[in-house]
Protein backbone atom coordinates (compact mmCIF):
# COMPACT_ATOMS: atom_id res chain seq x y z
CA MET A 1 -125.81 104.16 101.36
CA LYS A 2 -123.88 107.07 100.04
CA GLY A 3 -125.23 109.17 97.40
CA VAL A 4 -128.55 107.95 97.98
CA THR A 5 -130.50 110.67 100.51
CA ILE A 6 -134.41 108.80 101.18
CA VAL A 7 -136.85 110.94 101.47
CA ASP A 8 -138.49 110.26 104.99
CA HIS A 9 -140.74 113.47 105.66
CA PRO A 10 -143.65 111.15 107.40
CA LEU A 11 -146.22 113.28 104.87
CA VAL A 12 -144.30 111.86 102.04
CA GLN A 13 -143.49 107.74 103.48
CA HIS A 14 -148.03 107.96 104.99
CA LYS A 15 -148.78 109.09 101.29
CA LEU A 16 -146.37 106.08 100.07
CA THR A 17 -148.26 103.66 102.32
CA ILE A 18 -151.49 104.71 100.44
CA MET A 19 -150.14 104.16 97.35
CA ARG A 20 -149.17 101.15 97.61
CA LYS A 21 -151.62 99.43 99.15
CA ARG A 22 -153.57 97.04 96.01
CA ASP A 23 -156.43 98.97 96.53
CA THR A 24 -155.88 102.35 96.03
CA SER A 25 -158.33 103.99 93.58
CA THR A 26 -156.29 105.14 89.68
CA LYS A 27 -157.55 109.19 91.42
CA SER A 28 -156.31 108.56 94.32
CA PHE A 29 -153.01 107.18 93.16
CA ARG A 30 -152.34 110.15 90.31
CA GLN A 31 -153.05 112.49 92.55
CA LEU A 32 -150.49 111.36 95.88
CA LEU A 33 -148.01 111.21 92.94
CA LYS A 34 -148.65 114.49 92.07
CA GLU A 35 -148.43 115.49 95.64
CA ILE A 36 -145.24 113.12 96.02
CA GLY A 37 -143.73 114.52 93.66
CA GLY A 38 -143.55 118.05 95.34
CA LEU A 39 -142.93 117.50 98.68
CA ILE A 40 -139.71 115.40 96.94
CA CYS A 41 -139.00 118.23 95.29
CA TYR A 42 -138.57 120.08 97.90
CA GLU A 43 -136.29 117.83 99.44
CA VAL A 44 -133.90 118.40 95.37
CA THR A 45 -133.60 121.70 95.68
CA ARG A 46 -132.97 121.77 99.70
CA ASP A 47 -128.85 123.06 98.63
CA LEU A 48 -130.08 125.22 95.66
CA PRO A 49 -127.24 128.36 95.08
CA LEU A 50 -129.25 131.86 97.28
CA GLU A 51 -128.12 135.09 96.06
CA LYS A 52 -128.97 138.59 97.60
CA VAL A 53 -130.24 140.81 95.75
CA GLU A 54 -132.17 144.48 96.83
CA ILE A 55 -135.76 144.15 97.03
CA GLU A 56 -138.30 147.36 98.69
CA THR A 57 -141.30 145.57 100.97
CA PRO A 58 -144.04 148.07 102.05
CA MET A 59 -141.75 149.46 104.47
CA THR A 60 -138.17 149.60 103.68
CA THR A 61 -135.29 148.54 101.01
CA MET A 62 -133.95 145.38 102.09
CA MET A 63 -130.59 142.63 101.02
CA ALA A 64 -132.88 139.09 100.13
CA PRO A 65 -132.06 135.75 99.08
CA GLN A 66 -133.48 134.24 95.19
CA LEU A 67 -132.79 131.41 93.16
CA ALA A 68 -128.77 131.94 91.66
CA GLY A 69 -128.84 131.45 87.99
CA LYS A 70 -130.59 129.91 85.84
CA LYS A 71 -133.88 128.02 86.26
CA LEU A 72 -133.73 124.51 86.62
CA VAL A 73 -135.08 121.58 84.50
CA LEU A 74 -137.44 118.55 85.57
CA ALA A 75 -136.62 116.30 83.13
CA PRO A 76 -139.86 113.56 83.19
CA ILE A 77 -139.02 110.27 82.34
CA LEU A 78 -141.99 109.31 80.14
CA ARG A 79 -145.07 107.63 80.71
CA SER A 80 -144.98 107.77 84.68
CA GLY A 81 -142.61 110.52 85.27
CA VAL A 82 -144.91 113.08 83.75
CA GLY A 83 -147.31 111.80 87.09
CA MET A 84 -144.22 113.49 89.79
CA LEU A 85 -144.18 117.17 87.32
CA ASP A 86 -147.09 118.91 88.12
CA GLY A 87 -145.94 118.49 92.05
CA MET A 88 -143.21 119.96 90.95
CA LEU A 89 -144.39 122.41 88.62
CA GLU A 90 -146.70 123.38 91.71
CA LEU A 91 -143.33 124.12 93.61
CA VAL A 92 -140.93 125.68 90.87
CA PRO A 93 -143.29 127.02 88.45
CA ALA A 94 -140.48 128.69 86.28
CA ALA A 95 -138.95 125.95 85.85
CA ARG A 96 -138.22 124.59 82.21
CA VAL A 97 -138.74 120.71 81.24
CA ALA A 98 -137.69 118.85 79.18
CA HIS A 99 -139.28 115.33 77.60
CA ILE A 100 -137.53 112.06 77.45
CA GLY A 101 -139.88 108.85 76.29
CA LEU A 102 -138.32 105.65 76.82
CA TYR A 103 -140.07 102.42 77.68
CA ARG A 104 -138.78 98.69 78.59
CA ASP A 105 -138.19 96.05 76.69
CA PRO A 106 -140.95 93.79 77.85
CA VAL A 107 -138.24 90.29 77.03
CA THR A 108 -134.82 92.08 77.51
CA LEU A 109 -135.82 94.51 79.73
CA ASN A 110 -133.40 97.24 78.02
CA CYS A 111 -134.89 100.84 77.37
CA VAL A 112 -135.72 102.06 73.35
CA GLU A 113 -135.49 105.66 72.90
CA TYR A 114 -138.57 107.27 71.15
CA TYR A 115 -138.52 110.76 71.72
CA PHE A 116 -136.50 113.96 73.36
CA LYS A 117 -136.43 117.59 73.53
CA ALA A 118 -134.85 119.90 75.98
CA PRO A 119 -134.31 123.46 76.42
CA VAL A 120 -131.24 124.55 74.16
CA ASP A 121 -129.27 125.61 76.86
CA ILE A 122 -129.53 122.75 79.14
CA ALA A 123 -125.48 122.75 79.29
CA GLU A 124 -126.99 126.20 81.94
CA ARG A 125 -129.36 124.70 83.54
CA GLU A 126 -129.85 122.52 86.91
CA VAL A 127 -131.30 119.01 85.87
CA ILE A 128 -134.03 116.74 87.80
CA VAL A 129 -134.67 113.45 85.84
CA VAL A 130 -137.86 112.49 86.93
CA ASP A 131 -139.07 108.74 87.16
CA PRO A 132 -141.35 106.87 90.45
CA MET A 133 -139.43 103.72 89.67
CA LEU A 134 -136.20 102.89 89.83
CA ALA A 135 -135.84 99.72 89.24
CA THR A 136 -133.37 97.30 86.40
CA ALA A 137 -132.19 101.26 86.47
CA ASN A 138 -132.25 100.68 82.10
CA THR A 139 -133.57 103.58 81.71
CA ALA A 140 -132.79 105.72 84.30
CA ILE A 141 -129.51 105.30 82.77
CA ALA A 142 -130.66 105.50 79.31
CA ALA A 143 -131.94 109.04 80.30
CA VAL A 144 -128.90 110.99 81.64
CA ASP A 145 -126.79 108.89 79.15
CA ARG A 146 -130.14 111.19 77.10
CA LEU A 147 -129.23 114.51 78.71
CA MET A 148 -125.89 114.72 78.72
CA GLU A 149 -125.33 113.95 75.38
CA ALA A 150 -127.36 116.97 75.21
CA GLY A 151 -124.72 119.22 76.83
CA ALA A 152 -126.46 119.11 80.59
CA LYS A 153 -123.30 118.91 83.03
CA SER A 154 -126.08 118.98 86.77
CA ILE A 155 -127.87 116.59 86.88
CA ARG A 156 -130.12 114.71 89.81
CA MET A 157 -132.65 112.16 90.19
CA ALA A 158 -135.53 111.78 92.16
CA CYS A 159 -138.11 108.92 92.19
CA LEU A 160 -141.00 107.55 94.45
CA LEU A 161 -139.08 103.92 95.32
CA ALA A 162 -135.53 102.64 94.56
CA SER A 163 -134.30 98.74 94.87
CA PRO A 164 -131.22 97.69 96.37
CA GLU A 165 -129.71 96.41 92.36
CA GLY A 166 -131.23 99.92 90.48
CA ILE A 167 -129.14 102.04 92.17
CA SER A 168 -125.83 99.99 92.54
CA LYS A 169 -126.37 99.74 88.85
CA PHE A 170 -127.60 103.70 88.29
CA GLN A 171 -124.54 104.64 90.24
CA GLY A 172 -122.26 102.06 88.81
CA HIS A 173 -122.73 103.73 85.57
CA HIS A 174 -123.67 107.59 86.86
CA PRO A 175 -121.79 108.01 90.58
CA LYS A 176 -121.87 111.78 90.28
CA VAL A 177 -125.40 111.66 90.78
CA HIS A 178 -126.90 112.34 93.04
CA ILE A 179 -130.88 110.00 93.79
CA TRP A 180 -133.46 111.25 96.22
CA THR A 181 -135.69 108.67 97.06
CA ALA A 182 -138.64 107.82 99.38
CA ALA A 183 -138.03 103.97 100.88
CA ILE A 184 -135.02 101.88 99.36
CA ASP A 185 -137.40 98.25 98.68
CA GLU A 186 -136.36 94.76 99.33
CA ARG A 187 -135.46 93.46 95.81
CA LEU A 188 -136.51 92.98 91.59
CA ASN A 189 -138.63 89.91 90.70
CA ASP A 190 -137.81 88.03 87.84
CA HIS A 191 -139.10 90.11 85.65
CA GLY A 192 -138.11 93.60 86.92
CA TYR A 193 -140.36 94.57 89.28
CA ILE A 194 -139.54 96.36 92.66
CA ILE A 195 -140.93 94.38 96.10
CA PRO A 196 -142.81 94.84 97.76
CA GLY A 197 -143.39 98.19 95.24
CA LEU A 198 -146.14 98.99 94.68
CA GLY A 199 -147.07 97.85 91.09
CA ASP A 200 -146.61 99.19 87.96
CA ALA A 201 -146.83 103.25 87.88
CA GLY A 202 -147.10 103.92 84.59
CA ASP A 203 -150.45 102.12 84.37
CA ARG A 204 -151.65 102.67 88.00
CA MET A 205 -151.99 106.50 87.12
CA TYR A 206 -153.89 106.53 84.20
CA GLY A 207 -155.89 102.89 84.79
CA THR A 208 -154.63 100.74 81.88
CA ARG A 209 -154.44 97.52 83.79
């Protein structure tokens, strides 16, 4: 699918299978979400630009590659996006973090914003929006809209699962934002949940249902 990268690494797929199981504990689900967040972040950042700098090893001086430009901004959508954040920060500990508080109205399925905080120089940084589920895509679209209002110019989307409907709608609004996901599932049900999916990621992560 154009504009979408499926992270098909065996470790990602194995961990995702365990997370899908209904009897996986809250503790295990939370730990796996953290681990898979780091693995997906590895793929999302694969093409970040590098520059050569002079360093001194214990043996000699050399020109060696390091990340070019300002550090990343990781932008988790509260609350379930936080579950992937720690794994990503372990991989890129110098990244800045933007928090986007959105929830999906259970009746209309539209999203409602209740919190937003981002670095003031976000326009100069690569931004990765983080949310485990790209289902209806309403929250992801709203998050990208809000980040663009704040000045973000280069944005990527990282999720765990996506629906075909969600991808189509998201790309209709933000065709230039590339999506990374571990799987594209069959469809959405009448309540806007991904099928076969893994249930509500936030509830399973925090044990709230």
